[in-house]
């Protein structure tokens, strides 16, 4: 039976009333959500980090995730050797090695540290250089398609001061007069350069980690020459990487770098040239990026970087090898990168005391040859990591 006009009108009236009330309630609820986000209270946290981690901390996705967790994290770049001496008002420090983190803890009487991710050291080059080095017995390709860089064979070349034009084959121009040298950052401030010292000193010390105590003069003289032959070194790890990418093999034929820099560039851009090659030194060392907190807020940042699944995924997207899950392996597979996901030929770094002995000797060699150290401002700008 058809409803009367009177009954139909009343139903429509209450329908409009109910719909209006629901709309208002929904608007109010959404307003509270928006206002809650706008006025959400976040704790500001300041950190000093190596330059290779700045892009991770400034990634908007990382910043947003920290904000969701209640923290507004801001970082400045500082070399791993420098940050311990002058932490300023930082809530946490994030050096690029376990030895540097240990020094921070002992110097300031701290107990806690977090180990959110790491990255091995690699050598970056270009295909013509790799072809020449392969013929010279320095580089070889593994069954998995990745490249190895024989550091012992490289040291033999440097001992004879071989130039690129002297290498067998015709891959490199006969007019290339430059000595075959791996370019590094400044060992007086830089963690990545210290990692180079760790790997080379292991071989120069008869395949033994250099112990604390007296420093072998012949060993440090060899190391010093390899650094001094490069001229004035760059303060930060990002500067030579950018030059490798932008200026090509003529400027930087071989670069000691973090694997994370290579992966980050290939995933997030700007991508490297098609003939760019990543090689794994034999042996290599791991750069263990740690977080040493000075405050409770700094400790929370370290804990979240280590335990929060989303932050771990984002660290992997920037090329770091994380503590849990398969994010890094999945990323490498997705982009088809020639990256070695499992490394066997890895050696330990010397203790902080032993490393300081080596670096101090190299620092003295720079001073004796009139090569000035970076100023505090330059080191802070560059990061020296």
Foldseek 3Di string as FASTA:
>chain_A
DDDDPVVVVVVVVVVVVVVVVVVVVVVVVVVCVVVCLVPPAAAEAEEEEFPLCQCLCPPPVNQVVNVVVRYRYDYFFFFLVPCLVDVDPHQKYKYFAPQSLVCSCVVVVADDKFFFFWFWKWKKAFQLQLVLVVQQVQKDADPLGAMAGEVVSVLVQVVVQDFSLNGPDCSDPVPGGHTDAAAEAQLLGAPLVLQVLQVQLCVVVVNHAQAFDDDDPVSLVSVLVRHPSVPQGAQHQVVVVVCCQPVHCVVGRMYTHTQLQQLQCLQVHPHGDPRMHIHQYQAIEMGGIMMGGPDPVSVVVSVCSRPPPVNSLSVLNSPTGGDDDCSVVVSCVVSVHSDDPDDDRYDDGYRSNSSVNSSVSSVVSCVVVPRDDDDPVSSRNRSRD
